[in-house]
PDB file of N, CA and C in Angstrom:
ATOM      1  N   UNK A   1      90.068 -19.539  57.183  1.00  0.00           N
ATOM      2  CA  UNK A   1      89.209 -19.756  56.051  1.00  0.00           C
ATOM      3  C   UNK A   1      90.062 -19.895  54.801  1.00  0.00           C
ATOM      4  N   UNK A   2      89.580 -20.736  53.871  1.00  0.00           N
ATOM      5  CA  UNK A   2      90.319 -21.041  52.659  1.00  0.00           C
ATOM      6  C   UNK A   2      89.962 -19.998  51.607  1.00  0.00           C
ATOM      7  N   UNK A   3      90.970 -19.624  50.846  1.00  0.00           N
ATOM      8  CA  UNK A   3      90.740 -18.600  49.829  1.00  0.00           C
ATOM      9  C   UNK A   3      89.867 -19.148  48.684  1.00  0.00           C
ATOM     10  N   UNK A   4      89.149 -18.282  48.000  1.00  0.00           N
ATOM     11  CA  UNK A   4      88.296 -18.715  46.898  1.00  0.00           C
ATOM     12  C   UNK A   4      89.083 -19.388  45.772  1.00  0.00           C
ATOM     13  N   UNK A   5      90.312 -19.009  45.583  1.00  0.00           N
ATOM     14  CA  UNK A   5      91.128 -19.612  44.523  1.00  0.00           C
ATOM     15  C   UNK A   5      91.384 -21.091  44.815  1.00  0.00           C
ATOM     16  N   UNK A   6      91.639 -21.406  46.074  1.00  0.00           N
ATOM     17  CA  UNK A   6      91.885 -22.790  46.468  1.00  0.00           C
ATOM     18  C   UNK A   6      90.603 -23.603  46.296  1.00  0.00           C
ATOM     19  N   UNK A   7      89.457 -23.026  46.666  1.00  0.00           N
ATOM     20  CA  UNK A   7      88.182 -23.725  46.490  1.00  0.00           C
ATOM     21  C   UNK A   7      87.903 -24.001  45.011  1.00  0.00           C
ATOM     22  N   UNK A   8      88.185 -23.030  44.152  1.00  0.00           N
ATOM     23  CA  UNK A   8      87.991 -23.222  42.715  1.00  0.00           C
ATOM     24  C   UNK A   8      88.902 -24.343  42.220  1.00  0.00           C
ATOM     25  N   UNK A   9      90.127 -24.357  42.679  1.00  0.00           N
ATOM     26  CA  UNK A   9      91.063 -25.419  42.264  1.00  0.00           C
ATOM     27  C   UNK A   9      90.580 -26.784  42.759  1.00  0.00           C
ATOM     28  N   UNK A  10      90.086 -26.862  44.001  1.00  0.00           N
ATOM     29  CA  UNK A  10      89.600 -28.136  44.554  1.00  0.00           C
ATOM     30  C   UNK A  10      88.404 -28.659  43.766  1.00  0.00           C
ATOM     31  N   UNK A  11      87.429 -27.791  43.533  1.00  0.00           N
ATOM     32  CA  UNK A  11      86.233 -28.227  42.823  1.00  0.00           C
ATOM     33  C   UNK A  11      86.525 -28.529  41.348  1.00  0.00           C
ATOM     34  N   UNK A  12      87.456 -27.777  40.781  1.00  0.00           N
ATOM     35  CA  UNK A  12      87.856 -28.080  39.399  1.00  0.00           C
ATOM     36  C   UNK A  12      88.504 -29.460  39.322  1.00  0.00           C
ATOM     37  N   UNK A  13      89.349 -29.773  40.289  1.00  0.00           N
ATOM     38  CA  UNK A  13      89.981 -31.085  40.327  1.00  0.00           C
ATOM     39  C   UNK A  13      88.932 -32.175  40.564  1.00  0.00           C
ATOM     40  N   UNK A  14      87.968 -31.926  41.443  1.00  0.00           N
ATOM     41  CA  UNK A  14      86.916 -32.897  41.723  1.00  0.00           C
ATOM     42  C   UNK A  14      86.086 -33.185  40.470  1.00  0.00           C
ATOM     43  N   UNK A  15      85.600 -32.145  39.831  1.00  0.00           N
ATOM     44  CA  UNK A  15      84.785 -32.337  38.637  1.00  0.00           C
ATOM     45  C   UNK A  15      85.602 -32.910  37.471  1.00  0.00           C
ATOM     46  N   UNK A  16      86.845 -32.485  37.371  1.00  0.00           N
ATOM     47  CA  UNK A  16      87.720 -33.066  36.341  1.00  0.00           C
ATOM     48  C   UNK A  16      87.898 -34.559  36.565  1.00  0.00           C
ATOM     49  N   UNK A  17      88.079 -34.968  37.813  1.00  0.00           N
ATOM     50  CA  UNK A  17      88.214 -36.395  38.140  1.00  0.00           C
ATOM     51  C   UNK A  17      86.942 -37.166  37.850  1.00  0.00           C
ATOM     52  N   UNK A  18      85.799 -36.579  38.156  1.00  0.00           N
ATOM     53  CA  UNK A  18      84.525 -37.242  37.888  1.00  0.00           C
ATOM     54  C   UNK A  18      84.341 -37.421  36.389  1.00  0.00           C
ATOM     55  N   UNK A  19      84.604 -36.405  35.611  1.00  0.00           N
ATOM     56  CA  UNK A  19      84.459 -36.519  34.167  1.00  0.00           C
ATOM     57  C   UNK A  19      85.464 -37.485  33.570  1.00  0.00           C
ATOM     58  N   UNK A  20      86.701 -37.476  34.096  1.00  0.00           N
ATOM     59  CA  UNK A  20      87.696 -38.432  33.612  1.00  0.00           C
ATOM     60  C   UNK A  20      87.251 -39.858  33.940  1.00  0.00           C
ATOM     61  N   UNK A  21      86.740 -40.080  35.128  1.00  0.00           N
ATOM     62  CA  UNK A  21      86.249 -41.399  35.513  1.00  0.00           C
ATOM     63  C   UNK A  21      85.122 -41.855  34.606  1.00  0.00           C
ATOM     64  N   UNK A  22      84.217 -40.952  34.297  1.00  0.00           N
ATOM     65  CA  UNK A  22      83.106 -41.263  33.390  1.00  0.00           C
ATOM     66  C   UNK A  22      83.636 -41.650  32.015  1.00  0.00           C
ATOM     67  N   UNK A  23      84.557 -40.876  31.491  1.00  0.00           N
ATOM     68  CA  UNK A  23      85.136 -41.141  30.176  1.00  0.00           C
ATOM     69  C   UNK A  23      85.902 -42.461  30.173  1.00  0.00           C
ATOM     70  N   UNK A  24      86.694 -42.701  31.204  1.00  0.00           N
ATOM     71  CA  UNK A  24      87.495 -43.915  31.286  1.00  0.00           C
ATOM     72  C   UNK A  24      86.591 -45.151  31.382  1.00  0.00           C
ATOM     73  N   UNK A  25      85.530 -45.034  32.156  1.00  0.00           N
ATOM     74  CA  UNK A  25      84.576 -46.142  32.290  1.00  0.00           C
ATOM     75  C   UNK A  25      83.947 -46.469  30.927  1.00  0.00           C
ATOM     76  N   UNK A  26      83.551 -45.454  30.184  1.00  0.00           N
ATOM     77  CA  UNK A  26      82.960 -45.678  28.862  1.00  0.00           C
ATOM     78  C   UNK A  26      83.958 -46.356  27.929  1.00  0.00           C
ATOM     79  N   UNK A  27      85.234 -45.964  28.001  1.00  0.00           N
ATOM     80  CA  UNK A  27      86.269 -46.560  27.164  1.00  0.00           C
ATOM     81  C   UNK A  27      86.454 -48.032  27.503  1.00  0.00           C
ATOM     82  N   UNK A  28      86.537 -48.325  28.798  1.00  0.00           N
ATOM     83  CA  UNK A  28      86.694 -49.713  29.221  1.00  0.00           C
ATOM     84  C   UNK A  28      85.479 -50.557  28.843  1.00  0.00           C
ATOM     85  N   UNK A  29      84.288 -50.010  29.009  1.00  0.00           N
ATOM     86  CA  UNK A  29      83.068 -50.744  28.673  1.00  0.00           C
ATOM     87  C   UNK A  29      82.993 -51.031  27.176  1.00  0.00           C
ATOM     88  N   UNK A  30      83.395 -50.058  26.360  1.00  0.00           N
ATOM     89  CA  UNK A  30      83.382 -50.265  24.916  1.00  0.00           C
ATOM     90  C   UNK A  30      84.358 -51.376  24.521  1.00  0.00           C
ATOM     91  N   UNK A  31      85.538 -51.392  25.127  1.00  0.00           N
ATOM     92  CA  UNK A  31      86.516 -52.439  24.835  1.00  0.00           C
ATOM     93  C   UNK A  31      85.985 -53.806  25.274  1.00  0.00           C
ATOM     94  N   UNK A  32      85.332 -53.845  26.423  1.00  0.00           N
ATOM     95  CA  UNK A  32      84.769 -55.097  26.930  1.00  0.00           C
ATOM     96  C   UNK A  32      83.651 -55.589  26.007  1.00  0.00           C
ATOM     97  N   UNK A  33      82.791 -54.697  25.563  1.00  0.00           N
ATOM     98  CA  UNK A  33      81.703 -55.079  24.665  1.00  0.00           C
ATOM     99  C   UNK A  33      82.253 -55.617  23.342  1.00  0.00           C
ATOM    100  N   UNK A  34      83.309 -54.980  22.832  1.00  0.00           N
ATOM    101  CA  UNK A  34      83.915 -55.426  21.588  1.00  0.00           C
ATOM    102  C   UNK A  34      84.504 -56.826  21.757  1.00  0.00           C
ATOM    103  N   UNK A  35      85.179 -57.062  22.873  1.00  0.00           N
ATOM    104  CA  UNK A  35      85.756 -58.373  23.146  1.00  0.00           C
ATOM    105  C   UNK A  35      84.659 -59.433  23.292  1.00  0.00           C
ATOM    106  N   UNK A  36      83.555 -59.048  23.915  1.00  0.00           N
ATOM    107  CA  UNK A  36      82.442 -59.976  24.109  1.00  0.00           C
ATOM    108  C   UNK A  36      81.848 -60.399  22.762  1.00  0.00           C
ATOM    109  N   UNK A  37      81.705 -59.448  21.848  1.00  0.00           N
ATOM    110  CA  UNK A  37      81.177 -59.748  20.521  1.00  0.00           C
ATOM    111  C   UNK A  37      82.142 -60.664  19.764  1.00  0.00           C
ATOM    112  N   UNK A  38      83.442 -60.383  19.845  1.00  0.00           N
ATOM    113  CA  UNK A  38      84.430 -61.217  19.162  1.00  0.00           C
ATOM    114  C   UNK A  38      84.435 -62.633  19.735  1.00  0.00           C
ATOM    115  N   UNK A  39      84.307 -62.739  21.053  1.00  0.00           N
ATOM    116  CA  UNK A  39      84.281 -64.047  21.696  1.00  0.00           C
ATOM    117  C   UNK A  39      83.042 -64.837  21.262  1.00  0.00           C
ATOM    118  N   UNK A  40      81.906 -64.162  21.181  1.00  0.00           N
ATOM    119  CA  UNK A  40      80.680 -64.827  20.745  1.00  0.00           C
ATOM    120  C   UNK A  40      80.813 -65.296  19.297  1.00  0.00           C
ATOM    121  N   UNK A  41      81.416 -64.486  18.456  1.00  0.00           N
ATOM    122  CA  UNK A  41      81.614 -64.873  17.048  1.00  0.00           C
ATOM    123  C   UNK A  41      82.552 -66.075  16.958  1.00  0.00           C
ATOM    124  N   UNK A  42      83.614 -66.075  17.767  1.00  0.00           N
ATOM    125  CA  UNK A  42      84.545 -67.200  17.776  1.00  0.00           C
ATOM    126  C   UNK A  42      83.834 -68.468  18.253  1.00  0.00           C
ATOM    127  N   UNK A  43      82.997 -68.363  19.261  1.00  0.00           N
ATOM    128  CA  UNK A  43      82.248 -69.517  19.747  1.00  0.00           C
ATOM    129  C   UNK A  43      81.312 -70.057  18.669  1.00  0.00           C
ATOM    130  N   UNK A  44      80.643 -69.151  17.949  1.00  0.00           N
ATOM    131  CA  UNK A  44      79.759 -69.589  16.872  1.00  0.00           C
ATOM    132  C   UNK A  44      80.551 -70.317  15.789  1.00  0.00           C
ATOM    133  N   UNK A  45      81.712 -69.781  15.422  1.00  0.00           N
ATOM    134  CA  UNK A  45      82.545 -70.427  14.407  1.00  0.00           C
ATOM    135  C   UNK A  45      82.970 -71.818  14.871  1.00  0.00           C
ATOM    136  N   UNK A  46      83.314 -71.925  16.152  1.00  0.00           N
ATOM    137  CA  UNK A  46      83.731 -73.211  16.706  1.00  0.00           C
ATOM    138  C   UNK A  46      82.564 -74.202  16.673  1.00  0.00           C
ATOM    139  N   UNK A  47      81.371 -73.758  17.051  1.00  0.00           N
ATOM    140  CA  UNK A  47      80.209 -74.635  17.035  1.00  0.00           C
ATOM    141  C   UNK A  47      79.854 -75.065  15.612  1.00  0.00           C
ATOM    142  N   UNK A  48      79.990 -74.153  14.667  1.00  0.00           N
ATOM    143  CA  UNK A  48      79.713 -74.486  13.274  1.00  0.00           C
ATOM    144  C   UNK A  48      80.713 -75.529  12.772  1.00  0.00           C
ATOM    145  N   UNK A  49      81.980 -75.366  13.130  1.00  0.00           N
ATOM    146  CA  UNK A  49      82.991 -76.340  12.717  1.00  0.00           C
ATOM    147  C   UNK A  49      82.686 -77.713  13.324  1.00  0.00           C
ATOM    148  N   UNK A  50      82.302 -77.747  14.597  1.00  0.00           N
ATOM    149  CA  UNK A  50      81.950 -79.017  15.229  1.00  0.00           C
ATOM    150  C   UNK A  50      80.730 -79.647  14.551  1.00  0.00           C
ATOM    151  N   UNK A  51      79.753 -78.830  14.221  1.00  0.00           N
ATOM    152  CA  UNK A  51      78.548 -79.353  13.567  1.00  0.00           C
ATOM    153  C   UNK A  51      78.887 -79.915  12.188  1.00  0.00           C
ATOM    154  N   UNK A  52      79.777 -79.249  11.460  1.00  0.00           N
ATOM    155  CA  UNK A  52      80.182 -79.753  10.146  1.00  0.00           C
ATOM    156  C   UNK A  52      80.887 -81.099  10.278  1.00  0.00           C
ATOM    157  N   UNK A  53      81.750 -81.223  11.284  1.00  0.00           N
ATOM    158  CA  UNK A  53      82.451 -82.497  11.499  1.00  0.00           C
ATOM    159  C   UNK A  53      81.461 -83.588  11.875  1.00  0.00           C
ATOM    160  N   UNK A  54      80.499 -83.271  12.736  1.00  0.00           N
ATOM    161  CA  UNK A  54      79.490 -84.255  13.135  1.00  0.00           C
ATOM    162  C   UNK A  54      78.651 -84.659  11.922  1.00  0.00           C
ATOM    163  N   UNK A  55      78.338 -83.707  11.069  1.00  0.00           N
ATOM    164  CA  UNK A  55      77.561 -84.004   9.863  1.00  0.00           C
ATOM    165  C   UNK A  55      78.347 -84.944   8.948  1.00  0.00           C
ATOM    166  N   UNK A  56      79.649 -84.680   8.787  1.00  0.00           N
ATOM    167  CA  UNK A  56      80.475 -85.553   7.952  1.00  0.00           C
ATOM    168  C   UNK A  56      80.515 -86.966   8.521  1.00  0.00           C
ATOM    169  N   UNK A  57      80.684 -87.065   9.834  1.00  0.00           N
ATOM    170  CA  UNK A  57      80.698 -88.395  10.463  1.00  0.00           C
ATOM    171  C   UNK A  57      79.352 -89.090  10.286  1.00  0.00           C
ATOM    172  N   UNK A  58      78.274 -88.333  10.455  1.00  0.00           N
ATOM    173  CA  UNK A  58      76.946 -88.912  10.318  1.00  0.00           C
ATOM    174  C   UNK A  58      76.709 -89.382   8.882  1.00  0.00           C
ATOM    175  N   UNK A  59      77.126 -88.574   7.927  1.00  0.00           N
ATOM    176  CA  UNK A  59      76.953 -88.957   6.530  1.00  0.00           C
ATOM    177  C   UNK A  59      77.810 -90.174   6.193  1.00  0.00           C
ATOM    178  N   UNK A  60      79.011 -90.249   6.767  1.00  0.00           N
ATOM    179  CA  UNK A  60      79.880 -91.395   6.516  1.00  0.00           C
ATOM    180  C   UNK A  60      79.264 -92.660   7.100  1.00  0.00           C
ATOM    181  N   UNK A  61      78.678 -92.547   8.280  1.00  0.00           N
ATOM    182  CA  UNK A  61      78.062 -93.730   8.878  1.00  0.00           C
ATOM    183  C   UNK A  61      76.735 -94.056   8.191  1.00  0.00           C
ATOM    184  N   UNK A  62      76.050 -93.059   7.651  1.00  0.00           N
ATOM    185  CA  UNK A  62      74.795 -93.303   6.952  1.00  0.00           C
ATOM    186  C   UNK A  62      75.050 -93.978   5.610  1.00  0.00           C
ATOM    187  N   UNK A  63      76.201 -93.696   5.020  1.00  0.00           N
ATOM    188  CA  UNK A  63      76.532 -94.306   3.732  1.00  0.00           C
ATOM    189  C   UNK A  63      76.889 -95.780   3.864  1.00  0.00           C
ATOM    190  N   UNK A  64      77.270 -96.210   5.054  1.00  0.00           N
ATOM    191  CA  UNK A  64      77.586 -97.620   5.232  1.00  0.00           C
ATOM    192  C   UNK A  64      76.289 -98.426   5.215  1.00  0.00           C
ATOM    193  N   UNK A  65      76.401 -99.684   4.893  1.00  0.00           N
ATOM    194  CA  UNK A  65      75.210-100.519   4.748  1.00  0.00           C
ATOM    195  C   UNK A  65      74.732-101.090   6.070  1.00  0.00           C
ATOM    196  N   UNK A  66      75.382-100.747   7.179  1.00  0.00           N
ATOM    197  CA  UNK A  66      75.012-101.294   8.478  1.00  0.00           C
ATOM    198  C   UNK A  66      73.879-100.466   9.069  1.00  0.00           C
ATOM    199  N   UNK A  67      72.839-101.137   9.490  1.00  0.00           N
ATOM    200  CA  UNK A  67      71.698-100.474  10.118  1.00  0.00           C
ATOM    201  C   UNK A  67      71.843-100.637  11.619  1.00  0.00           C
ATOM    202  N   UNK A  68      71.875 -99.525  12.342  1.00  0.00           N
ATOM    203  CA  UNK A  68      72.124 -99.572  13.786  1.00  0.00           C
ATOM    204  C   UNK A  68      70.853 -99.482  14.608  1.00  0.00           C
ATOM    205  N   UNK A  69      69.719 -99.291  13.992  1.00  0.00           N
ATOM    206  CA  UNK A  69      68.458 -99.189  14.713  1.00  0.00           C
ATOM    207  C   UNK A  69      67.893-100.596  14.948  1.00  0.00           C
ATOM    208  N   UNK A  70      67.828-101.047  16.205  1.00  0.00           N
ATOM    209  CA  UNK A  70      67.339-102.408  16.458  1.00  0.00           C
ATOM    210  C   UNK A  70      65.852-102.571  16.153  1.00  0.00           C
ATOM    211  N   UNK A  71      65.105-101.503  16.017  1.00  0.00           N
ATOM    212  CA  UNK A  71      63.685-101.595  15.689  1.00  0.00           C
ATOM    213  C   UNK A  71      63.440-101.792  14.196  1.00  0.00           C
ATOM    214  N   UNK A  72      64.480-101.552  13.405  1.00  0.00           N
ATOM    215  CA  UNK A  72      64.357-101.706  11.955  1.00  0.00           C
ATOM    216  C   UNK A  72      64.308-103.194  11.605  1.00  0.00           C
ATOM    217  N   UNK A  73      63.386-103.599  10.717  1.00  0.00           N
ATOM    218  CA  UNK A  73      63.301-105.029  10.369  1.00  0.00           C
ATOM    219  C   UNK A  73      64.534-105.544   9.617  1.00  0.00           C
ATOM    220  N   UNK A  74      65.321-104.644   9.023  1.00  0.00           N
ATOM    221  CA  UNK A  74      66.529-105.062   8.298  1.00  0.00           C
ATOM    222  C   UNK A  74      67.764-105.095   9.198  1.00  0.00           C
ATOM    223  N   UNK A  75      67.603-104.892  10.506  1.00  0.00           N
ATOM    224  CA  UNK A  75      68.710-104.840  11.461  1.00  0.00           C
ATOM    225  C   UNK A  75      69.421-106.195  11.517  1.00  0.00           C
ATOM    226  N   UNK A  76      70.760-106.166  11.452  1.00  0.00           N
ATOM    227  CA  UNK A  76      71.558-107.391  11.537  1.00  0.00           C
ATOM    228  C   UNK A  76      72.646-107.171  12.575  1.00  0.00           C
ATOM    229  N   UNK A  77      72.549-107.891  13.673  1.00  0.00           N
ATOM    230  CA  UNK A  77      73.480-107.719  14.791  1.00  0.00           C
ATOM    231  C   UNK A  77      74.896-108.123  14.401  1.00  0.00           C
ATOM    232  N   UNK A  78      75.042-109.138  13.618  1.00  0.00           N
ATOM    233  CA  UNK A  78      76.374-109.602  13.227  1.00  0.00           C
ATOM    234  C   UNK A  78      77.108-108.541  12.407  1.00  0.00           C
ATOM    235  N   UNK A  79      76.405-107.892  11.490  1.00  0.00           N
ATOM    236  CA  UNK A  79      77.024-106.829  10.696  1.00  0.00           C
ATOM    237  C   UNK A  79      77.428-105.653  11.585  1.00  0.00           C
ATOM    238  N   UNK A  80      76.590-105.336  12.561  1.00  0.00           N
ATOM    239  CA  UNK A  80      76.891-104.232  13.466  1.00  0.00           C
ATOM    240  C   UNK A  80      78.140-104.521  14.289  1.00  0.00           C
ATOM    241  N   UNK A  81      78.228-105.721  14.834  1.00  0.00           N
ATOM    242  CA  UNK A  81      79.399-106.105  15.629  1.00  0.00           C
ATOM    243  C   UNK A  81      80.648-106.096  14.747  1.00  0.00           C
ATOM    244  N   UNK A  82      80.541-106.578  13.532  1.00  0.00           N
ATOM    245  CA  UNK A  82      81.696-106.561  12.620  1.00  0.00           C
ATOM    246  C   UNK A  82      82.125-105.136  12.315  1.00  0.00           C
ATOM    247  N   UNK A  83      81.169-104.244  12.152  1.00  0.00           N
ATOM    248  CA  UNK A  83      81.499-102.839  11.893  1.00  0.00           C
ATOM    249  C   UNK A  83      82.208-102.227  13.102  1.00  0.00           C
ATOM    250  N   UNK A  84      81.708-102.534  14.296  1.00  0.00           N
ATOM    251  CA  UNK A  84      82.349-102.015  15.515  1.00  0.00           C
ATOM    252  C   UNK A  84      83.776-102.533  15.640  1.00  0.00           C
ATOM    253  N   UNK A  85      83.997-103.774  15.318  1.00  0.00           N
ATOM    254  CA  UNK A  85      85.345-104.341  15.366  1.00  0.00           C
ATOM    255  C   UNK A  85      86.260-103.662  14.353  1.00  0.00           C
ATOM    256  N   UNK A  86      85.733-103.390  13.174  1.00  0.00           N
ATOM    257  CA  UNK A  86      86.532-102.719  12.142  1.00  0.00           C
ATOM    258  C   UNK A  86      86.866-101.289  12.560  1.00  0.00           C
ATOM    259  N   UNK A  87      85.918-100.623  13.211  1.00  0.00           N
ATOM    260  CA  UNK A  87      86.157 -99.251  13.667  1.00  0.00           C
ATOM    261  C   UNK A  87      87.160 -99.211  14.813  1.00  0.00           C
ATOM    262  N   UNK A  88      87.187-100.235  15.634  1.00  0.00           N
ATOM    263  CA  UNK A  88      88.087-100.273  16.777  1.00  0.00           C
ATOM    264  C   UNK A  88      89.526-100.450  16.336  1.00  0.00           C
ATOM    265  N   UNK A  89      89.722-101.055  15.187  1.00  0.00           N
ATOM    266  CA  UNK A  89      91.086-101.311  14.716  1.00  0.00           C
ATOM    267  C   UNK A  89      91.574-100.177  13.927  1.00  0.00           C
TER     268      UNK A  89
END
C-alpha cells in the first residue's frame, strides 16, 4: 500500500497540472483572440484602401466626357473606342 504522503503528492501534482493547463489555455486563447481582432482590423483597412482607389478610378472615369452606357442616347462608340486605345497605350 502507498503511503498517504505519496498520495498527497500525486493528487497535488494532478490538480496543479489541471490548473496549469486551464491557465495556459486561457493565455493562449487570449493571444489568439487579440491576433484575430488585429487581423480583422488590418483586413478592414485593406478593404477601405481598395475602396478609396476604386472610388478615385471611378471619379476619374466619370470626369471624362466618354459615356460608356450603350443605353444612353448620348452614347458614342467612336469616342469609347478612342478612349480604350488611349488607355491601352
